[in-house]
Protein backbone atom coordinates (compact mmCIF):
# COMPACT_ATOMS: atom_id res chain seq x y z
CA UNK A 1 0.00 0.00 0.00
CA UNK A 2 1.37 3.39 -1.04
CA UNK A 3 0.51 5.85 1.79
CA UNK A 4 1.05 8.80 -0.57
CA UNK A 5 -1.47 7.62 -3.17
CA UNK A 6 -4.75 9.50 -3.48
CA UNK A 7 -7.97 7.47 -3.10
CA UNK A 8 -8.39 7.21 -6.87
CA UNK A 9 -4.72 6.33 -7.39
CA UNK A 10 -5.02 3.65 -4.71
CA UNK A 11 -7.89 1.97 -6.58
CA UNK A 12 -5.95 2.20 -9.84
CA UNK A 13 -2.94 0.50 -8.24
CA UNK A 14 -5.17 -2.29 -6.93
CA UNK A 15 -6.69 -2.78 -10.40
CA UNK A 16 -3.20 -2.90 -11.86
CA UNK A 17 -2.16 -5.56 -9.34
CA UNK A 18 -5.27 -7.63 -10.10
CA UNK A 19 -4.45 -7.53 -13.82
CA UNK A 20 -0.84 -8.57 -13.21
CA UNK A 21 -1.68 -11.51 -10.95
CA UNK A 22 -5.07 -12.72 -12.16
CA UNK A 23 -4.67 -12.19 -15.91
CA UNK A 24 -0.94 -12.09 -16.62
CA UNK A 25 -0.01 -14.83 -14.15
CA UNK A 26 2.44 -12.79 -12.08
CA UNK A 27 3.29 -14.29 -8.70
CA UNK A 28 3.21 -10.96 -6.91
CA UNK A 29 2.73 -7.23 -7.39
CA UNK A 30 4.46 -4.30 -5.75
CA UNK A 31 1.13 -2.47 -5.58
CA UNK A 32 -0.47 -4.67 -2.89
CA UNK A 33 0.78 -6.57 0.16
CA UNK A 34 2.41 -9.93 -0.46
CA UNK A 35 -0.14 -11.76 1.69
CA UNK A 36 -2.90 -10.40 -0.57
CA UNK A 37 -1.33 -11.90 -3.70
CA UNK A 38 -0.75 -15.19 -1.84
CA UNK A 39 -4.46 -15.34 -1.08
CA UNK A 40 -5.35 -14.50 -4.70
CA UNK A 41 -3.05 -17.30 -5.84
CA UNK A 42 -4.76 -19.79 -3.51
CA UNK A 43 -8.17 -18.79 -4.87
CA UNK A 44 -6.95 -19.21 -8.46
CA UNK A 45 -5.42 -22.59 -7.63
CA UNK A 46 -8.81 -23.73 -6.34
CA UNK A 47 -10.25 -22.93 -9.75
CA UNK A 48 -12.12 -19.83 -8.61
CA UNK A 49 -12.69 -16.84 -10.92
CA UNK A 50 -13.03 -13.21 -9.81
CA UNK A 51 -16.28 -12.78 -11.75
CA UNK A 52 -18.05 -15.69 -10.02
CA UNK A 53 -21.17 -14.90 -8.02
CA UNK A 54 -20.50 -15.15 -4.28
CA UNK A 55 -23.06 -16.96 -2.18
CA UNK A 56 -22.83 -15.85 1.43
CA UNK A 57 -23.70 -19.19 2.95
CA UNK A 58 -25.67 -19.12 6.19
CA UNK A 59 -25.58 -22.23 8.33
CA UNK A 60 -28.93 -23.70 9.34
CA UNK A 61 -30.79 -22.38 12.40
CA UNK A 62 -30.03 -25.42 14.53
CA UNK A 63 -26.30 -25.00 13.93
CA UNK A 64 -26.58 -21.26 14.57
CA UNK A 65 -27.95 -21.93 18.06
CA UNK A 66 -25.19 -24.46 18.69
CA UNK A 67 -22.65 -21.93 17.40
CA UNK A 68 -23.83 -19.28 19.87
CA UNK A 69 -23.64 -21.73 22.74
CA UNK A 70 -20.25 -23.08 21.70
CA UNK A 71 -18.72 -19.59 21.57
CA UNK A 72 -20.59 -18.03 24.49
CA UNK A 73 -17.35 -17.40 26.41
CA UNK A 74 -15.84 -15.53 23.45
CA UNK A 75 -19.02 -13.56 22.81
CA UNK A 76 -19.32 -12.58 26.48
CA UNK A 77 -15.67 -11.58 26.73
CA UNK A 78 -15.96 -9.48 23.57
CA UNK A 79 -19.26 -7.78 24.34
CA UNK A 80 -18.01 -4.79 26.34
CA UNK A 81 -15.02 -4.24 24.05
CA UNK A 82 -17.16 -4.33 20.92
CA UNK A 83 -19.43 -1.71 22.48
CA UNK A 84 -16.42 0.53 23.15
CA UNK A 85 -15.11 -0.13 19.67
CA UNK A 86 -18.42 0.79 18.08
CA UNK A 87 -18.47 4.10 19.96
CA UNK A 88 -15.08 4.88 18.41
CA UNK A 89 -16.34 4.18 14.87
CA UNK A 90 -19.84 5.62 15.30
CA UNK A 91 -19.01 8.53 12.98
CA UNK A 92 -18.08 6.18 10.14
CA UNK A 93 -20.06 3.64 8.14
CA UNK A 94 -18.14 0.68 9.57
CA UNK A 95 -19.54 -2.09 11.77
CA UNK A 96 -18.02 -4.96 13.75
CA UNK A 97 -18.03 -8.70 13.14
CA UNK A 98 -16.78 -11.37 15.53
CA UNK A 99 -15.98 -14.76 14.03
CA UNK A 100 -14.83 -18.14 15.25
CA UNK A 101 -11.56 -19.76 14.19
CA UNK A 102 -13.12 -21.03 10.96
CA UNK A 103 -14.38 -17.60 9.87
CA UNK A 104 -18.06 -18.05 10.71
CA UNK A 105 -19.72 -14.95 12.22
CA UNK A 106 -20.70 -15.47 15.88
CA UNK A 107 -21.65 -11.87 16.74
CA UNK A 108 -22.32 -8.50 15.10
CA UNK A 109 -21.76 -5.05 16.60
CA UNK A 110 -22.48 -1.45 15.68
CA UNK A 111 -25.42 -0.43 13.56
CA UNK A 112 -25.13 -2.28 10.25
CA UNK A 113 -27.67 -1.06 7.71
CA UNK A 114 -29.54 -4.26 6.91
CA UNK A 115 -31.54 -2.45 4.22
CA UNK A 116 -28.35 -2.56 2.17
CA UNK A 117 -28.17 -6.13 0.83
CA UNK A 118 -24.36 -5.94 0.74
CA UNK A 119 -24.31 -5.22 4.46
CA UNK A 120 -27.02 -7.75 5.26
CA UNK A 121 -25.15 -10.44 3.32
CA UNK A 122 -22.29 -10.52 5.85
CA UNK A 123 -23.67 -8.95 9.06
CA UNK A 124 -25.52 -12.07 10.20
CA UNK A 125 -24.62 -14.70 12.78
CA UNK A 126 -23.83 -17.95 11.03
CA UNK A 127 -22.45 -16.53 7.76
CA UNK A 128 -19.28 -18.28 6.57
CA UNK A 129 -16.73 -15.59 5.64
CA UNK A 130 -13.70 -17.86 5.37
CA UNK A 131 -11.35 -17.70 2.39
CA UNK A 132 -12.77 -20.98 1.10
CA UNK A 133 -16.24 -19.46 1.05
CA UNK A 134 -15.80 -15.80 0.03
CA UNK A 135 -12.19 -15.59 -1.18
CA UNK A 136 -9.70 -13.00 0.02
CA UNK A 137 -11.01 -10.99 2.97
CA UNK A 138 -9.76 -9.53 6.24
CA UNK A 139 -11.46 -12.42 8.03
CA UNK A 140 -9.61 -15.15 6.18
CA UNK A 141 -6.36 -13.17 6.16
CA UNK A 142 -6.31 -12.42 9.90
CA UNK A 143 -7.02 -16.07 10.67
CA UNK A 144 -4.58 -17.41 8.10
CA UNK A 145 -1.73 -14.96 8.69
CA UNK A 146 -2.40 -14.69 12.45
CA UNK A 147 -1.79 -10.95 12.44
CA UNK A 148 -3.77 -7.78 11.94
CA UNK A 149 -4.56 -6.77 8.36
CA UNK A 150 -6.18 -4.03 6.28
CA UNK A 151 -7.97 -4.82 3.02
CA UNK A 152 -9.56 -2.29 0.66
CA UNK A 153 -12.07 -2.81 -2.12
CA UNK A 154 -10.45 -4.65 -5.05
CA UNK A 155 -7.91 -6.32 -2.79
CA UNK A 156 -10.74 -8.78 -2.14
CA UNK A 157 -10.58 -11.60 -4.68
CA UNK A 158 -14.13 -11.59 -6.04
CA UNK A 159 -15.76 -8.69 -7.84
CA UNK A 160 -18.81 -9.17 -5.60
CA UNK A 161 -16.72 -8.53 -2.49
CA UNK A 162 -14.77 -5.57 -3.91
CA UNK A 163 -17.32 -3.21 -2.33
CA UNK A 164 -15.95 -3.91 1.15
CA UNK A 165 -13.14 -2.30 3.13
CA UNK A 166 -12.05 -4.30 6.18
CA UNK A 167 -9.68 -4.31 9.14
CA UNK A 168 -9.16 -7.56 11.02
CA UNK A 169 -7.15 -8.94 13.94
CA UNK A 170 -6.91 -12.49 15.29
CA UNK A 171 -7.95 -13.48 18.82
CA UNK A 172 -6.02 -16.23 20.60
CA UNK A 173 -7.33 -18.43 23.39
CA UNK A 174 -5.49 -18.43 26.75
CA UNK A 175 -3.75 -21.69 25.80
CA UNK A 176 -2.46 -20.23 22.52
CA UNK A 177 -4.96 -21.66 20.04
CA UNK A 178 -6.68 -19.59 17.37
CA UNK A 179 -10.05 -18.70 18.85
CA UNK A 180 -11.44 -16.33 16.24
CA UNK A 181 -11.02 -12.80 14.95
CA UNK A 182 -12.47 -9.31 15.19
CA UNK A 183 -13.35 -7.43 12.00
CA UNK A 184 -14.42 -3.91 11.08
CA UNK A 185 -16.13 -3.59 7.70
CA UNK A 186 -17.50 -0.73 5.62
CA UNK A 187 -19.34 -0.85 2.27
CA UNK A 188 -18.31 1.52 -0.54
CA UNK A 189 -16.88 3.87 2.05
CA UNK A 190 -13.74 5.90 2.64
CA UNK A 191 -10.60 3.87 3.23
CA UNK A 192 -9.61 3.92 6.91
CA UNK A 193 -6.35 1.95 7.32
CA UNK A 194 -5.99 3.38 10.83
CA UNK A 195 -8.76 0.97 11.84
CA UNK A 196 -6.15 -1.81 11.68
CA UNK A 197 -4.53 -0.36 14.80
CA UNK A 198 -7.88 0.09 16.53
CA UNK A 199 -9.09 -3.44 15.85
CA UNK A 200 -5.73 -4.81 17.04
CA UNK A 201 -6.10 -3.03 20.38
CA UNK A 202 -9.64 -4.35 20.75
CA UNK A 203 -8.60 -7.92 19.96
CA UNK A 204 -5.86 -7.70 22.61
CA UNK A 205 -8.38 -6.36 25.12
CA UNK A 206 -10.66 -9.34 24.46
CA UNK A 207 -7.71 -11.68 25.03
CA UNK A 208 -7.01 -9.92 28.34
CA UNK A 209 -10.62 -10.44 29.43
CA UNK A 210 -10.44 -14.14 28.58
CA UNK A 211 -7.09 -14.43 30.35
CA UNK A 212 -8.50 -12.85 33.51
CA UNK A 213 -11.06 -15.66 33.78
CA UNK A 214 -8.41 -18.39 33.98
CA UNK A 215 -7.54 -19.97 37.36
CA UNK A 216 -3.90 -19.46 38.31
CA UNK A 217 -1.48 -18.94 41.18
CA UNK A 218 0.66 -16.15 39.81
CA UNK A 219 0.44 -13.67 36.95
CA UNK A 220 3.61 -12.32 35.35
CA UNK A 221 3.69 -9.22 33.17
CA UNK A 222 6.75 -9.32 30.89
CA UNK A 223 8.48 -7.05 28.43
CA UNK A 224 11.96 -6.19 27.26
CA UNK A 225 14.07 -4.42 29.91
CA UNK A 226 13.07 -0.77 30.15
CA UNK A 227 9.78 -1.27 28.31
CA UNK A 228 7.64 -2.90 31.00
CA UNK A 229 4.39 -0.94 31.46
CA UNK A 230 2.51 -3.29 33.80
CA UNK A 231 -0.53 -3.05 31.53
CA UNK A 232 -2.21 -4.89 28.66
CA UNK A 233 0.59 -3.56 26.44
CA UNK A 234 2.85 -6.18 28.03
CA UNK A 235 3.10 -9.90 27.52
CA UNK A 236 1.34 -11.81 30.29
CA UNK A 237 1.65 -15.40 31.48
CA UNK A 238 -0.29 -17.19 34.21
CA UNK A 239 1.40 -19.85 36.34
CA UNK A 240 -0.27 -22.79 38.05
CA UNK A 241 0.98 -24.45 41.25
CA UNK A 242 2.74 -27.24 39.34
CA UNK A 243 5.46 -25.14 37.75
CA UNK A 244 3.73 -24.62 34.39
CA UNK A 245 2.62 -21.69 32.28
CA UNK A 246 -1.10 -22.47 32.16
CA UNK A 247 -2.27 -19.46 30.13
CA UNK A 248 -0.88 -16.51 28.21
CA UNK A 249 -1.82 -13.66 25.90
CA UNK A 250 -0.69 -13.55 22.28
CA UNK A 251 2.11 -11.09 23.06
CA UNK A 252 3.60 -13.65 25.46
CA UNK A 253 3.30 -16.35 22.81
CA UNK A 254 5.36 -14.17 20.47
CA UNK A 255 7.88 -12.88 23.01
CA UNK A 256 8.58 -16.28 24.59
CA UNK A 257 7.90 -18.38 21.46
CA UNK A 258 5.46 -20.58 23.39
CA UNK A 259 3.84 -23.66 21.87
CA UNK A 260 0.12 -24.35 22.31
CA UNK A 261 -0.93 -25.71 25.71
CA UNK A 262 0.70 -25.84 29.15
CA UNK A 263 4.43 -25.20 29.13
CA UNK A 264 6.91 -26.01 31.94
CA UNK A 265 8.60 -22.92 33.32
CA UNK A 266 11.91 -24.76 33.10
CA UNK A 267 11.53 -24.93 29.30
CA UNK A 268 11.41 -21.14 29.03
CA UNK A 269 13.26 -19.45 31.89
CA UNK A 270 16.90 -20.07 32.76
CA UNK A 271 16.13 -19.45 36.42
CA UNK A 272 15.01 -21.69 39.30
CA UNK A 273 11.28 -22.21 39.58
CA UNK A 274 11.36 -21.03 43.20
CA UNK A 275 12.93 -17.73 42.13
CA UNK A 276 10.11 -17.12 39.67
CA UNK A 277 7.33 -17.84 42.19
CA UNK A 278 9.10 -15.70 44.77
CA UNK A 279 8.65 -12.67 42.51
CA UNK A 280 5.27 -12.31 44.23
CA UNK A 281 7.23 -10.88 47.17
CA UNK A 282 8.79 -8.13 45.07
CA UNK A 283 6.81 -5.07 43.99
CA UNK A 284 9.60 -3.81 41.73
CA UNK A 285 10.29 -5.16 38.21
CA UNK A 286 12.83 -7.98 38.09
CA UNK A 287 14.91 -9.22 35.17
CA UNK A 288 14.82 -12.93 34.30
CA UNK A 289 17.02 -14.78 31.78
CA UNK A 290 15.52 -16.93 29.04
CA UNK A 291 17.10 -20.06 27.61
CA UNK A 292 17.29 -18.20 24.30
CA UNK A 293 19.97 -15.99 25.83
CA UNK A 294 17.63 -12.99 25.97
CA UNK A 295 16.48 -11.25 29.14
CA UNK A 296 12.99 -10.03 30.01
CA UNK A 297 11.74 -7.75 32.74
CA UNK A 298 8.88 -9.04 34.90
CA UNK A 299 6.50 -7.91 37.58
CA UNK A 300 4.38 -10.47 39.44
CA UNK A 301 0.92 -10.44 40.96
CA UNK A 302 -0.39 -13.23 43.16
CA UNK A 303 -3.80 -14.57 42.23
CA UNK A 304 -5.63 -14.21 45.52
CA UNK A 305 -5.30 -12.75 49.02
CA UNK A 306 -4.38 -16.22 50.27
CA UNK A 307 -1.18 -16.27 48.26
CA UNK A 308 2.22 -15.67 49.79
CA UNK A 309 2.85 -12.50 47.80
CA UNK A 310 -0.26 -10.70 49.05
CA UNK A 311 -0.21 -11.82 52.69
CA UNK A 312 -0.33 -8.77 55.04
CA UNK A 313 3.10 -9.42 56.53
CA UNK A 314 4.71 -9.92 53.12
CA UNK A 315 3.05 -6.77 51.77
CA UNK A 316 4.27 -4.81 54.79
CA UNK A 317 7.79 -5.90 53.98
CA UNK A 318 7.59 -4.15 50.63
CA UNK A 319 7.26 -0.72 52.23
CA UNK A 320 9.61 -1.27 55.16
CA UNK A 321 13.31 -0.37 54.74
CA UNK A 322 14.43 -3.61 56.40
CA UNK A 323 12.32 -5.61 53.97
CA UNK A 324 15.25 -5.67 51.58
CA UNK A 325 17.30 -7.69 54.07
CA UNK A 326 17.43 -11.28 52.85
CA UNK A 327 17.59 -12.69 56.41
CA UNK A 328 14.44 -10.86 57.50
CA UNK A 329 12.60 -11.94 54.37
CA UNK A 330 13.74 -15.54 54.82
CA UNK A 331 12.49 -15.66 58.42
CA UNK A 332 9.13 -14.23 57.39
CA UNK A 333 8.79 -16.78 54.59
CA UNK A 334 9.73 -19.64 56.91
CA UNK A 335 7.23 -18.45 59.50
CA UNK A 336 4.44 -18.30 56.93
CA UNK A 337 5.34 -21.76 55.63
CA UNK A 338 5.25 -23.15 59.17
CA UNK A 339 1.83 -21.57 59.77
CA UNK A 340 0.50 -22.92 56.47
CA UNK A 341 1.78 -26.43 57.21
CA UNK A 342 0.19 -26.32 60.65
CA UNK A 343 -3.15 -25.15 59.22
CA UNK A 344 -2.99 -27.88 56.56
CA UNK A 345 -2.14 -30.49 59.24
CA UNK A 346 1.05 -31.40 57.44
CA UNK A 347 -0.44 -31.81 53.97
CA UNK A 348 2.10 -30.28 51.60
CA UNK A 349 -0.33 -29.90 48.67
CA UNK A 350 -2.85 -27.93 50.74
CA UNK A 351 -0.16 -25.76 52.30
CA UNK A 352 1.39 -25.01 48.90
CA UNK A 353 -2.03 -24.09 47.53
CA UNK A 354 -2.66 -21.69 50.41
CA UNK A 355 0.75 -20.08 49.95
CA UNK A 356 0.40 -19.76 46.19
CA UNK A 357 3.58 -21.68 45.44
CA UNK A 358 4.19 -25.03 43.80
CA UNK A 359 4.56 -28.23 45.78
CA UNK A 360 8.09 -28.58 44.42
CA UNK A 361 9.00 -25.17 45.79
CA UNK A 362 7.50 -25.97 49.18
CA UNK A 363 9.34 -29.30 49.36
CA UNK A 364 12.61 -27.46 48.70
CA UNK A 365 11.84 -24.95 51.45
CA UNK A 366 11.03 -27.70 53.93
CA UNK A 367 14.39 -29.35 53.28
CA UNK A 368 16.12 -26.16 54.41
CA UNK A 369 14.71 -25.18 57.83
CA UNK A 370 15.37 -21.65 59.04
CA UNK A 371 18.63 -21.06 60.91
CA UNK A 372 18.32 -20.59 64.69
CA UNK A 373 17.88 -16.99 65.79
CA UNK A 374 20.72 -15.43 67.72
């Protein structure tokens, strides 16, 4: 996309790219993004033609009801954010679509004009807007490329869909799977590439909402040293009491190169597990080494008031000058462990759960009793 091109020049460049790729057989064009031409090529390889009529397939009512139920968690998590998003775009002719991981619409936001058949065709729950169904679109691209995209008019593969302008961003589940995507679409309207940034922020906010619903023992906000903001702009991982990363946002997946599912802390951080869980005792950002050789800056938050990091005595240590003394901190930790073990009647699992640390960490602490006071 040439940012200096006028609206009419932009459409001319898109037409030129379509001619080069779809008629002349070129593999790519400098006038559109490379992912756009890759999608065009896939459509052509499937035997599709740009002048074909597009049928916006709607799944049957029974499947629509099942679809709503299946994606209720996503729809609920996205509801407030879509409302905020729609306030931001209320002065435009764009509306919001939420899809599942296959590109089927599961919710619609804003005020789509259903009297316009082009709007009504796509702004319905149950419509399949995947690349296989409607060719190149922001929906298929965001899901396929797993990144935010902007698509304008003729960058869509079919002539029937060249009336749309779309911004899209993927939404990942807390375990790293593709969960769906958020889309903003306008019909025969002014190009608004800045919506790509807006929809990306909204998608990240939805991920944060989903992440906040996950059970965990400790939450870690991470970023490169000097860039930690302790906000949704950071990577975030959630730790369970077994020494695993049990959930994350998409920024953490990228920063730490995490595979899908639960991941042992020892596979990611070149630091003892106990040191990582003990970050709950430190209010200030701490640097941790990764096995990749890189270093990240972290700040921790315990999951509940029952956790070691938010216990009244531990919190008091944060503001007291002597709290920095390792001996004082060690005695406080040992005292809390002894109290937890007594309350749990010697059951290590229950005591570890109450303290917000892993059983492995607690076992290590129990093997090293506190030194006698002098």
